[in-house]
């Protein structure tokens, strides 16, 4: 799976909603995972100060889509490159709607 391979080798920050999402991605070798566990403005500040590009892998539910839009816009305004195409490829290739369900859907 191309996107999972990329996630396991990239230096980009992989942004997820929670610990279960992070655990699911870690089990496939992803590193540099950032969990949204603080107020969003703080998360944006920390991501900007990391100096890395990022892949926002919030869920494909209404809340996840809202978070994605907010983060993408806030980060891009501050000069952070967001790799949106990888988000869409991830959900297209895996056929899932929540990141934490990754391990249950792939063999």
PDB file of N, CA and C in Angstrom:
ATOM      1  N   UNK A   1       0.853  -1.177   0.000  1.00  0.00           N
ATOM      2  CA  UNK A   1       0.000   0.000   0.000  1.00  0.00           C
ATOM      3  C   UNK A   1       0.898   1.238   0.000  1.00  0.00           C
ATOM      4  N   UNK A   2       0.827   2.032  -1.021  1.00  0.00           N
ATOM      5  CA  UNK A   2       1.746   3.142  -1.220  1.00  0.00           C
ATOM      6  C   UNK A   2       1.704   4.200  -0.123  1.00  0.00           C
ATOM      7  N   UNK A   3       0.527   4.616   0.292  1.00  0.00           N
ATOM      8  CA  UNK A   3       0.433   5.677   1.294  1.00  0.00           C
ATOM      9  C   UNK A   3       0.981   5.202   2.636  1.00  0.00           C
ATOM     10  N   UNK A   4       0.672   3.983   3.031  1.00  0.00           N
ATOM     11  CA  UNK A   4       1.210   3.465   4.298  1.00  0.00           C
ATOM     12  C   UNK A   4       2.724   3.338   4.233  1.00  0.00           C
ATOM     13  N   UNK A   5       3.251   2.945   3.085  1.00  0.00           N
ATOM     14  CA  UNK A   5       4.706   2.907   2.920  1.00  0.00           C
ATOM     15  C   UNK A   5       5.292   4.306   3.094  1.00  0.00           C
ATOM     16  N   UNK A   6       4.649   5.270   2.475  1.00  0.00           N
ATOM     17  CA  UNK A   6       5.120   6.652   2.586  1.00  0.00           C
ATOM     18  C   UNK A   6       5.098   7.114   4.043  1.00  0.00           C
ATOM     19  N   UNK A   7       4.007   6.822   4.742  1.00  0.00           N
ATOM     20  CA  UNK A   7       3.885   7.252   6.137  1.00  0.00           C
ATOM     21  C   UNK A   7       4.956   6.633   7.025  1.00  0.00           C
ATOM     22  N   UNK A   8       5.430   5.449   6.659  1.00  0.00           N
ATOM     23  CA  UNK A   8       6.446   4.788   7.483  1.00  0.00           C
ATOM     24  C   UNK A   8       7.855   5.324   7.221  1.00  0.00           C
ATOM     25  N   UNK A   9       8.031   6.123   6.167  1.00  0.00           N
ATOM     26  CA  UNK A   9       9.365   6.631   5.848  1.00  0.00           C
ATOM     27  C   UNK A   9       9.473   8.153   5.863  1.00  0.00           C
ATOM     28  N   UNK A  10       8.361   8.846   5.902  1.00  0.00           N
ATOM     29  CA  UNK A  10       8.385  10.302   5.778  1.00  0.00           C
ATOM     30  C   UNK A  10       8.892  11.004   7.032  1.00  0.00           C
ATOM     31  N   UNK A  11       9.452  12.163   6.831  1.00  0.00           N
ATOM     32  CA  UNK A  11       9.831  13.047   7.934  1.00  0.00           C
ATOM     33  C   UNK A  11       8.709  14.037   8.236  1.00  0.00           C
ATOM     34  N   UNK A  12       7.642  14.015   7.424  1.00  0.00           N
ATOM     35  CA  UNK A  12       6.495  14.893   7.658  1.00  0.00           C
ATOM     36  C   UNK A  12       5.843  14.551   8.991  1.00  0.00           C
ATOM     37  N   UNK A  13       5.222  15.536   9.592  1.00  0.00           N
ATOM     38  CA  UNK A  13       4.437  15.329  10.800  1.00  0.00           C
ATOM     39  C   UNK A  13       3.081  14.769  10.381  1.00  0.00           C
ATOM     40  N   UNK A  14       2.661  13.672  10.984  1.00  0.00           N
ATOM     41  CA  UNK A  14       1.366  13.064  10.681  1.00  0.00           C
ATOM     42  C   UNK A  14       0.415  13.452  11.814  1.00  0.00           C
ATOM     43  N   UNK A  15      -0.585  14.262  11.497  1.00  0.00           N
ATOM     44  CA  UNK A  15      -1.491  14.827  12.498  1.00  0.00           C
ATOM     45  C   UNK A  15      -2.748  13.967  12.592  1.00  0.00           C
ATOM     46  N   UNK A  16      -3.058  13.491  13.804  1.00  0.00           N
ATOM     47  CA  UNK A  16      -4.235  12.642  14.025  1.00  0.00           C
ATOM     48  C   UNK A  16      -5.048  13.174  15.203  1.00  0.00           C
ATOM     49  N   UNK A  17      -6.282  12.682  15.319  1.00  0.00           N
ATOM     50  CA  UNK A  17      -7.201  13.167  16.348  1.00  0.00           C
ATOM     51  C   UNK A  17      -6.943  12.588  17.738  1.00  0.00           C
ATOM     52  N   UNK A  18      -6.511  11.341  17.838  1.00  0.00           N
ATOM     53  CA  UNK A  18      -6.403  10.749  19.165  1.00  0.00           C
ATOM     54  C   UNK A  18      -5.370   9.644  19.272  1.00  0.00           C
ATOM     55  N   UNK A  19      -5.254   9.099  20.494  1.00  0.00           N
ATOM     56  CA  UNK A  19      -4.264   8.060  20.788  1.00  0.00           C
ATOM     57  C   UNK A  19      -4.509   6.779  19.998  1.00  0.00           C
ATOM     58  N   UNK A  20      -5.766   6.407  19.800  1.00  0.00           N
ATOM     59  CA  UNK A  20      -6.062   5.189  19.040  1.00  0.00           C
ATOM     60  C   UNK A  20      -5.653   5.339  17.581  1.00  0.00           C
ATOM     61  N   UNK A  21      -5.833   6.541  17.029  1.00  0.00           N
ATOM     62  CA  UNK A  21      -5.383   6.808  15.661  1.00  0.00           C
ATOM     63  C   UNK A  21      -3.863   6.671  15.579  1.00  0.00           C
ATOM     64  N   UNK A  22      -3.177   7.252  16.544  1.00  0.00           N
ATOM     65  CA  UNK A  22      -1.715   7.185  16.574  1.00  0.00           C
ATOM     66  C   UNK A  22      -1.239   5.742  16.695  1.00  0.00           C
ATOM     67  N   UNK A  23      -1.896   4.959  17.545  1.00  0.00           N
ATOM     68  CA  UNK A  23      -1.511   3.556  17.725  1.00  0.00           C
ATOM     69  C   UNK A  23      -1.713   2.763  16.438  1.00  0.00           C
ATOM     70  N   UNK A  24      -2.814   3.011  15.747  1.00  0.00           N
ATOM     71  CA  UNK A  24      -3.081   2.296  14.496  1.00  0.00           C
ATOM     72  C   UNK A  24      -2.006   2.606  13.462  1.00  0.00           C
ATOM     73  N   UNK A  25      -1.635   3.867  13.329  1.00  0.00           N
ATOM     74  CA  UNK A  25      -0.600   4.235  12.363  1.00  0.00           C
ATOM     75  C   UNK A  25       0.771   3.728  12.788  1.00  0.00           C
ATOM     76  N   UNK A  26       1.057   3.781  14.075  1.00  0.00           N
ATOM     77  CA  UNK A  26       2.344   3.273  14.575  1.00  0.00           C
ATOM     78  C   UNK A  26       2.508   1.792  14.283  1.00  0.00           C
ATOM     79  N   UNK A  27       1.415   1.047  14.356  1.00  0.00           N
ATOM     80  CA  UNK A  27       1.499  -0.393  14.099  1.00  0.00           C
ATOM     81  C   UNK A  27       1.870  -0.694  12.652  1.00  0.00           C
ATOM     82  N   UNK A  28       1.720   0.288  11.777  1.00  0.00           N
ATOM     83  CA  UNK A  28       2.129   0.129  10.383  1.00  0.00           C
ATOM     84  C   UNK A  28       3.435   0.851  10.097  1.00  0.00           C
ATOM     85  N   UNK A  29       4.129   1.264  11.145  1.00  0.00           N
ATOM     86  CA  UNK A  29       5.459   1.836  10.992  1.00  0.00           C
ATOM     87  C   UNK A  29       5.529   3.344  10.887  1.00  0.00           C
ATOM     88  N   UNK A  30       4.410   4.033  10.998  1.00  0.00           N
ATOM     89  CA  UNK A  30       4.444   5.494  10.911  1.00  0.00           C
ATOM     90  C   UNK A  30       5.092   6.075  12.162  1.00  0.00           C
ATOM     91  N   UNK A  31       5.847   7.127  11.958  1.00  0.00           N
ATOM     92  CA  UNK A  31       6.442   7.833  13.087  1.00  0.00           C
ATOM     93  C   UNK A  31       6.169   9.320  12.896  1.00  0.00           C
ATOM     94  N   UNK A  32       6.715  10.145  13.743  1.00  0.00           N
ATOM     95  CA  UNK A  32       6.486  11.594  13.684  1.00  0.00           C
ATOM     96  C   UNK A  32       4.992  11.905  13.743  1.00  0.00           C
ATOM     97  N   UNK A  33       4.298  11.237  14.653  1.00  0.00           N
ATOM     98  CA  UNK A  33       2.850  11.403  14.790  1.00  0.00           C
ATOM     99  C   UNK A  33       2.565  12.489  15.827  1.00  0.00           C
ATOM    100  N   UNK A  34       1.664  13.386  15.470  1.00  0.00           N
ATOM    101  CA  UNK A  34       1.253  14.465  16.370  1.00  0.00           C
ATOM    102  C   UNK A  34      -0.225  14.275  16.687  1.00  0.00           C
ATOM    103  N   UNK A  35      -0.547  14.142  17.975  1.00  0.00           N
ATOM    104  CA  UNK A  35      -1.931  13.940  18.417  1.00  0.00           C
ATOM    105  C   UNK A  35      -2.534  15.286  18.821  1.00  0.00           C
ATOM    106  N   UNK A  36      -3.716  15.565  18.306  1.00  0.00           N
ATOM    107  CA  UNK A  36      -4.431  16.803  18.644  1.00  0.00           C
ATOM    108  C   UNK A  36      -5.016  16.671  20.048  1.00  0.00           C
ATOM    109  N   UNK A  37      -4.234  17.030  21.049  1.00  0.00           N
ATOM    110  CA  UNK A  37      -4.668  16.833  22.438  1.00  0.00           C
ATOM    111  C   UNK A  37      -4.752  18.142  23.221  1.00  0.00           C
ATOM    112  N   UNK A  38      -4.615  19.252  22.526  1.00  0.00           N
ATOM    113  CA  UNK A  38      -4.640  20.573  23.157  1.00  0.00           C
ATOM    114  C   UNK A  38      -5.612  21.451  22.383  1.00  0.00           C
ATOM    115  N   UNK A  39      -5.857  22.660  22.859  1.00  0.00           N
ATOM    116  CA  UNK A  39      -6.662  23.578  22.054  1.00  0.00           C
ATOM    117  C   UNK A  39      -6.033  23.736  20.660  1.00  0.00           C
ATOM    118  N   UNK A  40      -6.868  23.859  19.648  1.00  0.00           N
ATOM    119  CA  UNK A  40      -6.365  23.863  18.274  1.00  0.00           C
ATOM    120  C   UNK A  40      -5.344  24.962  18.005  1.00  0.00           C
ATOM    121  N   UNK A  41      -5.529  26.144  18.584  1.00  0.00           N
ATOM    122  CA  UNK A  41      -4.564  27.216  18.334  1.00  0.00           C
ATOM    123  C   UNK A  41      -3.178  26.818  18.837  1.00  0.00           C
ATOM    124  N   UNK A  42      -3.130  26.081  19.959  1.00  0.00           N
ATOM    125  CA  UNK A  42      -1.850  25.597  20.494  1.00  0.00           C
ATOM    126  C   UNK A  42      -1.236  24.543  19.578  1.00  0.00           C
ATOM    127  N   UNK A  43      -2.084  23.648  19.085  1.00  0.00           N
ATOM    128  CA  UNK A  43      -1.605  22.616  18.162  1.00  0.00           C
ATOM    129  C   UNK A  43      -0.996  23.264  16.926  1.00  0.00           C
ATOM    130  N   UNK A  44      -1.685  24.264  16.387  1.00  0.00           N
ATOM    131  CA  UNK A  44      -1.171  24.972  15.208  1.00  0.00           C
ATOM    132  C   UNK A  44       0.188  25.584  15.526  1.00  0.00           C
ATOM    133  N   UNK A  45       0.318  26.241  16.664  1.00  0.00           N
ATOM    134  CA  UNK A  45       1.596  26.848  17.057  1.00  0.00           C
ATOM    135  C   UNK A  45       2.705  25.803  17.133  1.00  0.00           C
ATOM    136  N   UNK A  46       2.408  24.653  17.732  1.00  0.00           N
ATOM    137  CA  UNK A  46       3.424  23.606  17.879  1.00  0.00           C
ATOM    138  C   UNK A  46       3.819  23.009  16.531  1.00  0.00           C
ATOM    139  N   UNK A  47       2.838  22.803  15.665  1.00  0.00           N
ATOM    140  CA  UNK A  47       3.136  22.248  14.344  1.00  0.00           C
ATOM    141  C   UNK A  47       3.980  23.234  13.551  1.00  0.00           C
ATOM    142  N   UNK A  48       3.620  24.515  13.590  1.00  0.00           N
ATOM    143  CA  UNK A  48       4.397  25.540  12.893  1.00  0.00           C
ATOM    144  C   UNK A  48       5.831  25.555  13.416  1.00  0.00           C
ATOM    145  N   UNK A  49       5.998  25.519  14.733  1.00  0.00           N
ATOM    146  CA  UNK A  49       7.346  25.597  15.311  1.00  0.00           C
ATOM    147  C   UNK A  49       8.176  24.336  15.060  1.00  0.00           C
ATOM    148  N   UNK A  50       7.528  23.236  14.674  1.00  0.00           N
ATOM    149  CA  UNK A  50       8.290  22.020  14.354  1.00  0.00           C
ATOM    150  C   UNK A  50       9.099  22.188  13.073  1.00  0.00           C
ATOM    151  N   UNK A  51       8.660  23.101  12.206  1.00  0.00           N
ATOM    152  CA  UNK A  51       9.372  23.327  10.950  1.00  0.00           C
ATOM    153  C   UNK A  51       9.149  22.246   9.908  1.00  0.00           C
ATOM    154  N   UNK A  52       8.208  21.349  10.136  1.00  0.00           N
ATOM    155  CA  UNK A  52       7.965  20.239   9.209  1.00  0.00           C
ATOM    156  C   UNK A  52       6.712  20.466   8.376  1.00  0.00           C
ATOM    157  N   UNK A  53       6.698  19.844   7.209  1.00  0.00           N
ATOM    158  CA  UNK A  53       5.455  19.728   6.449  1.00  0.00           C
ATOM    159  C   UNK A  53       4.578  18.751   7.209  1.00  0.00           C
ATOM    160  N   UNK A  54       3.281  18.733   6.901  1.00  0.00           N
ATOM    161  CA  UNK A  54       2.433  17.804   7.635  1.00  0.00           C
ATOM    162  C   UNK A  54       1.374  17.156   6.755  1.00  0.00           C
ATOM    163  N   UNK A  55       0.930  16.015   7.232  1.00  0.00           N
ATOM    164  CA  UNK A  55      -0.158  15.263   6.623  1.00  0.00           C
ATOM    165  C   UNK A  55      -1.251  15.210   7.680  1.00  0.00           C
ATOM    166  N   UNK A  56      -2.400  15.789   7.384  1.00  0.00           N
ATOM    167  CA  UNK A  56      -3.493  15.845   8.351  1.00  0.00           C
ATOM    168  C   UNK A  56      -4.403  14.646   8.110  1.00  0.00           C
ATOM    169  N   UNK A  57      -4.369  13.678   9.022  1.00  0.00           N
ATOM    170  CA  UNK A  57      -5.180  12.467   8.878  1.00  0.00           C
ATOM    171  C   UNK A  57      -6.285  12.429   9.928  1.00  0.00           C
ATOM    172  N   UNK A  58      -7.120  13.449   9.909  1.00  0.00           N
ATOM    173  CA  UNK A  58      -8.320  13.400  10.741  1.00  0.00           C
ATOM    174  C   UNK A  58      -9.333  12.513  10.029  1.00  0.00           C
ATOM    175  N   UNK A  59     -10.297  12.008  10.775  1.00  0.00           N
ATOM    176  CA  UNK A  59     -11.282  11.082  10.212  1.00  0.00           C
ATOM    177  C   UNK A  59     -12.102  11.725   9.092  1.00  0.00           C
ATOM    178  N   UNK A  60     -12.788  10.877   8.334  1.00  0.00           N
ATOM    179  CA  UNK A  60     -13.632  11.345   7.238  1.00  0.00           C
ATOM    180  C   UNK A  60     -15.083  11.490   7.684  1.00  0.00           C
ATOM    181  N   UNK A  61     -15.295  11.764   8.964  1.00  0.00           N
ATOM    182  CA  UNK A  61     -16.639  12.063   9.465  1.00  0.00           C
ATOM    183  C   UNK A  61     -16.782  13.590   9.507  1.00  0.00           C
ATOM    184  N   UNK A  62     -17.982  14.116   9.803  1.00  0.00           N
ATOM    185  CA  UNK A  62     -18.150  15.575   9.790  1.00  0.00           C
ATOM    186  C   UNK A  62     -17.168  16.324  10.699  1.00  0.00           C
ATOM    187  N   UNK A  63     -16.926  15.826  11.899  1.00  0.00           N
ATOM    188  CA  UNK A  63     -15.989  16.484  12.811  1.00  0.00           C
ATOM    189  C   UNK A  63     -14.565  16.439  12.265  1.00  0.00           C
ATOM    190  N   UNK A  64     -14.159  15.302  11.726  1.00  0.00           N
ATOM    191  CA  UNK A  64     -12.825  15.181  11.153  1.00  0.00           C
ATOM    192  C   UNK A  64     -12.621  16.089   9.954  1.00  0.00           C
ATOM    193  N   UNK A  65     -13.645  16.214   9.137  1.00  0.00           N
ATOM    194  CA  UNK A  65     -13.563  17.111   7.976  1.00  0.00           C
ATOM    195  C   UNK A  65     -13.466  18.568   8.422  1.00  0.00           C
ATOM    196  N   UNK A  66     -14.197  18.919   9.482  1.00  0.00           N
ATOM    197  CA  UNK A  66     -14.131  20.282  10.014  1.00  0.00           C
ATOM    198  C   UNK A  66     -12.728  20.569  10.566  1.00  0.00           C
ATOM    199  N   UNK A  67     -12.190  19.618  11.315  1.00  0.00           N
ATOM    200  CA  UNK A  67     -10.833  19.771  11.849  1.00  0.00           C
ATOM    201  C   UNK A  67      -9.811  19.902  10.725  1.00  0.00           C
ATOM    202  N   UNK A  68      -9.949  19.065   9.709  1.00  0.00           N
ATOM    203  CA  UNK A  68      -9.031  19.111   8.570  1.00  0.00           C
ATOM    204  C   UNK A  68      -9.040  20.497   7.934  1.00  0.00           C
ATOM    205  N   UNK A  69     -10.229  21.009   7.646  1.00  0.00           N
ATOM    206  CA  UNK A  69     -10.333  22.321   6.990  1.00  0.00           C
ATOM    207  C   UNK A  69      -9.711  23.421   7.843  1.00  0.00           C
ATOM    208  N   UNK A  70     -10.020  23.411   9.130  1.00  0.00           N
ATOM    209  CA  UNK A  70      -9.470  24.428  10.026  1.00  0.00           C
ATOM    210  C   UNK A  70      -7.940  24.345  10.067  1.00  0.00           C
ATOM    211  N   UNK A  71      -7.423  23.148  10.303  1.00  0.00           N
ATOM    212  CA  UNK A  71      -5.972  22.978  10.416  1.00  0.00           C
ATOM    213  C   UNK A  71      -5.260  23.315   9.113  1.00  0.00           C
ATOM    214  N   UNK A  72      -5.780  22.814   8.007  1.00  0.00           N
ATOM    215  CA  UNK A  72      -5.155  23.095   6.706  1.00  0.00           C
ATOM    216  C   UNK A  72      -5.057  24.596   6.483  1.00  0.00           C
ATOM    217  N   UNK A  73      -6.171  25.295   6.678  1.00  0.00           N
ATOM    218  CA  UNK A  73      -6.178  26.741   6.440  1.00  0.00           C
ATOM    219  C   UNK A  73      -5.248  27.476   7.402  1.00  0.00           C
ATOM    220  N   UNK A  74      -5.319  27.145   8.685  1.00  0.00           N
ATOM    221  CA  UNK A  74      -4.486  27.824   9.687  1.00  0.00           C
ATOM    222  C   UNK A  74      -3.001  27.563   9.446  1.00  0.00           C
ATOM    223  N   UNK A  75      -2.658  26.344   9.104  1.00  0.00           N
ATOM    224  CA  UNK A  75      -1.251  26.001   8.883  1.00  0.00           C
ATOM    225  C   UNK A  75      -0.721  26.614   7.595  1.00  0.00           C
ATOM    226  N   UNK A  76      -1.510  26.567   6.535  1.00  0.00           N
ATOM    227  CA  UNK A  76      -1.053  27.146   5.274  1.00  0.00           C
ATOM    228  C   UNK A  76      -0.867  28.658   5.384  1.00  0.00           C
ATOM    229  N   UNK A  77      -1.741  29.322   6.148  1.00  0.00           N
ATOM    230  CA  UNK A  77      -1.580  30.773   6.359  1.00  0.00           C
ATOM    231  C   UNK A  77      -0.259  31.081   7.059  1.00  0.00           C
ATOM    232  N   UNK A  78       0.245  30.119   7.819  1.00  0.00           N
ATOM    233  CA  UNK A  78       1.501  30.320   8.552  1.00  0.00           C
ATOM    234  C   UNK A  78       2.700  29.697   7.833  1.00  0.00           C
ATOM    235  N   UNK A  79       2.498  29.301   6.588  1.00  0.00           N
ATOM    236  CA  UNK A  79       3.605  28.830   5.765  1.00  0.00           C
ATOM    237  C   UNK A  79       3.929  27.353   5.853  1.00  0.00           C
ATOM    238  N   UNK A  80       3.092  26.565   6.511  1.00  0.00           N
ATOM    239  CA  UNK A  80       3.342  25.126   6.620  1.00  0.00           C
ATOM    240  C   UNK A  80       2.757  24.428   5.397  1.00  0.00           C
ATOM    241  N   UNK A  81       3.553  23.586   4.785  1.00  0.00           N
ATOM    242  CA  UNK A  81       3.065  22.811   3.643  1.00  0.00           C
ATOM    243  C   UNK A  81       2.235  21.644   4.169  1.00  0.00           C
ATOM    244  N   UNK A  82       0.996  21.554   3.715  1.00  0.00           N
ATOM    245  CA  UNK A  82       0.135  20.437   4.101  1.00  0.00           C
ATOM    246  C   UNK A  82      -0.065  19.565   2.875  1.00  0.00           C
ATOM    247  N   UNK A  83       0.103  18.294   3.040  1.00  0.00           N
ATOM    248  CA  UNK A  83       0.013  17.354   1.917  1.00  0.00           C
ATOM    249  C   UNK A  83      -1.392  16.746   1.870  1.00  0.00           C
ATOM    250  N   UNK A  84      -2.334  17.554   1.409  1.00  0.00           N
ATOM    251  CA  UNK A  84      -3.742  17.141   1.373  1.00  0.00           C
ATOM    252  C   UNK A  84      -3.977  15.949   0.461  1.00  0.00           C
ATOM    253  N   UNK A  85      -3.252  15.863  -0.634  1.00  0.00           N
ATOM    254  CA  UNK A  85      -3.452  14.751  -1.572  1.00  0.00           C
ATOM    255  C   UNK A  85      -3.202  13.411  -0.886  1.00  0.00           C
ATOM    256  N   UNK A  86      -2.260  13.367   0.043  1.00  0.00           N
ATOM    257  CA  UNK A  86      -1.984  12.117   0.761  1.00  0.00           C
ATOM    258  C   UNK A  86      -3.130  11.728   1.681  1.00  0.00           C
ATOM    259  N   UNK A  87      -3.809  12.706   2.248  1.00  0.00           N
ATOM    260  CA  UNK A  87      -4.985  12.416   3.086  1.00  0.00           C
ATOM    261  C   UNK A  87      -6.044  11.703   2.254  1.00  0.00           C
ATOM    262  N   UNK A  88      -6.339  12.271   1.098  1.00  0.00           N
ATOM    263  CA  UNK A  88      -7.380  11.693   0.249  1.00  0.00           C
ATOM    264  C   UNK A  88      -6.952  10.330  -0.299  1.00  0.00           C
ATOM    265  N   UNK A  89      -5.675  10.187  -0.645  1.00  0.00           N
ATOM    266  CA  UNK A  89      -5.173   8.896  -1.119  1.00  0.00           C
ATOM    267  C   UNK A  89      -5.246   7.846  -0.010  1.00  0.00           C
ATOM    268  N   UNK A  90      -4.935   8.242   1.222  1.00  0.00           N
ATOM    269  CA  UNK A  90      -4.994   7.317   2.359  1.00  0.00           C
ATOM    270  C   UNK A  90      -6.390   6.727   2.498  1.00  0.00           C
ATOM    271  N   UNK A  91      -7.403   7.568   2.520  1.00  0.00           N
ATOM    272  CA  UNK A  91      -8.769   7.071   2.708  1.00  0.00           C
ATOM    273  C   UNK A  91      -9.275   6.327   1.472  1.00  0.00           C
ATOM    274  N   UNK A  92      -8.822   6.734   0.292  1.00  0.00           N
ATOM    275  CA  UNK A  92      -9.214   6.029  -0.932  1.00  0.00           C
ATOM    276  C   UNK A  92      -8.576   4.634  -0.969  1.00  0.00           C
ATOM    277  N   UNK A  93      -7.297   4.545  -0.656  1.00  0.00           N
ATOM    278  CA  UNK A  93      -6.590   3.262  -0.722  1.00  0.00           C
ATOM    279  C   UNK A  93      -7.015   2.293   0.374  1.00  0.00           C
ATOM    280  N   UNK A  94      -7.332   2.807   1.542  1.00  0.00           N
ATOM    281  CA  UNK A  94      -7.660   1.919   2.658  1.00  0.00           C
ATOM    282  C   UNK A  94      -9.144   1.608   2.755  1.00  0.00           C
ATOM    283  N   UNK A  95      -9.980   2.431   2.131  1.00  0.00           N
ATOM    284  CA  UNK A  95     -11.437   2.217   2.167  1.00  0.00           C
ATOM    285  C   UNK A  95     -12.008   2.280   3.579  1.00  0.00           C
ATOM    286  N   UNK A  96     -11.443   3.120   4.418  1.00  0.00           N
ATOM    287  CA  UNK A  96     -11.948   3.292   5.781  1.00  0.00           C
ATOM    288  C   UNK A  96     -12.368   4.749   5.963  1.00  0.00           C
ATOM    289  N   UNK A  97     -13.099   5.033   7.031  1.00  0.00           N
ATOM    290  CA  UNK A  97     -13.488   6.418   7.308  1.00  0.00           C
ATOM    291  C   UNK A  97     -12.906   6.929   8.616  1.00  0.00           C
ATOM    292  N   UNK A  98     -12.367   6.036   9.439  1.00  0.00           N
ATOM    293  CA  UNK A  98     -11.702   6.455  10.674  1.00  0.00           C
ATOM    294  C   UNK A  98     -10.311   5.838  10.722  1.00  0.00           C
ATOM    295  N   UNK A  99      -9.348   6.613  11.150  1.00  0.00           N
ATOM    296  CA  UNK A  99      -7.960   6.149  11.192  1.00  0.00           C
ATOM    297  C   UNK A  99      -7.802   4.984  12.161  1.00  0.00           C
ATOM    298  N   UNK A 100      -8.467   5.042  13.306  1.00  0.00           N
ATOM    299  CA  UNK A 100      -8.296   3.988  14.315  1.00  0.00           C
ATOM    300  C   UNK A 100      -8.771   2.623  13.827  1.00  0.00           C
ATOM    301  N   UNK A 101      -9.639   2.586  12.818  1.00  0.00           N
ATOM    302  CA  UNK A 101     -10.132   1.302  12.302  1.00  0.00           C
ATOM    303  C   UNK A 101      -9.180   0.677  11.287  1.00  0.00           C
ATOM    304  N   UNK A 102      -8.049   1.301  11.048  1.00  0.00           N
ATOM    305  CA  UNK A 102      -7.087   0.820  10.061  1.00  0.00           C
ATOM    306  C   UNK A 102      -6.684  -0.631  10.289  1.00  0.00           C
ATOM    307  N   UNK A 103      -6.314  -0.984  11.497  1.00  0.00           N
ATOM    308  CA  UNK A 103      -5.824  -2.342  11.764  1.00  0.00           C
ATOM    309  C   UNK A 103      -6.915  -3.395  11.613  1.00  0.00           C
ATOM    310  N   UNK A 104      -8.169  -3.025  11.801  1.00  0.00           N
ATOM    311  CA  UNK A 104      -9.270  -3.983  11.641  1.00  0.00           C
ATOM    312  C   UNK A 104      -9.613  -4.234  10.176  1.00  0.00           C
ATOM    313  N   UNK A 105      -9.277  -3.285   9.307  1.00  0.00           N
ATOM    314  CA  UNK A 105      -9.674  -3.399   7.909  1.00  0.00           C
ATOM    315  C   UNK A 105      -8.575  -3.925   6.993  1.00  0.00           C
ATOM    316  N   UNK A 106      -7.347  -3.957   7.476  1.00  0.00           N
ATOM    317  CA  UNK A 106      -6.238  -4.416   6.643  1.00  0.00           C
ATOM    318  C   UNK A 106      -5.653  -5.692   7.215  1.00  0.00           C
ATOM    319  N   UNK A 107      -5.258  -6.551   6.339  1.00  0.00           N
ATOM    320  CA  UNK A 107      -4.650  -7.815   6.767  1.00  0.00           C
ATOM    321  C   UNK A 107      -3.176  -7.781   6.462  1.00  0.00           C
TER     322      UNK A 107
END
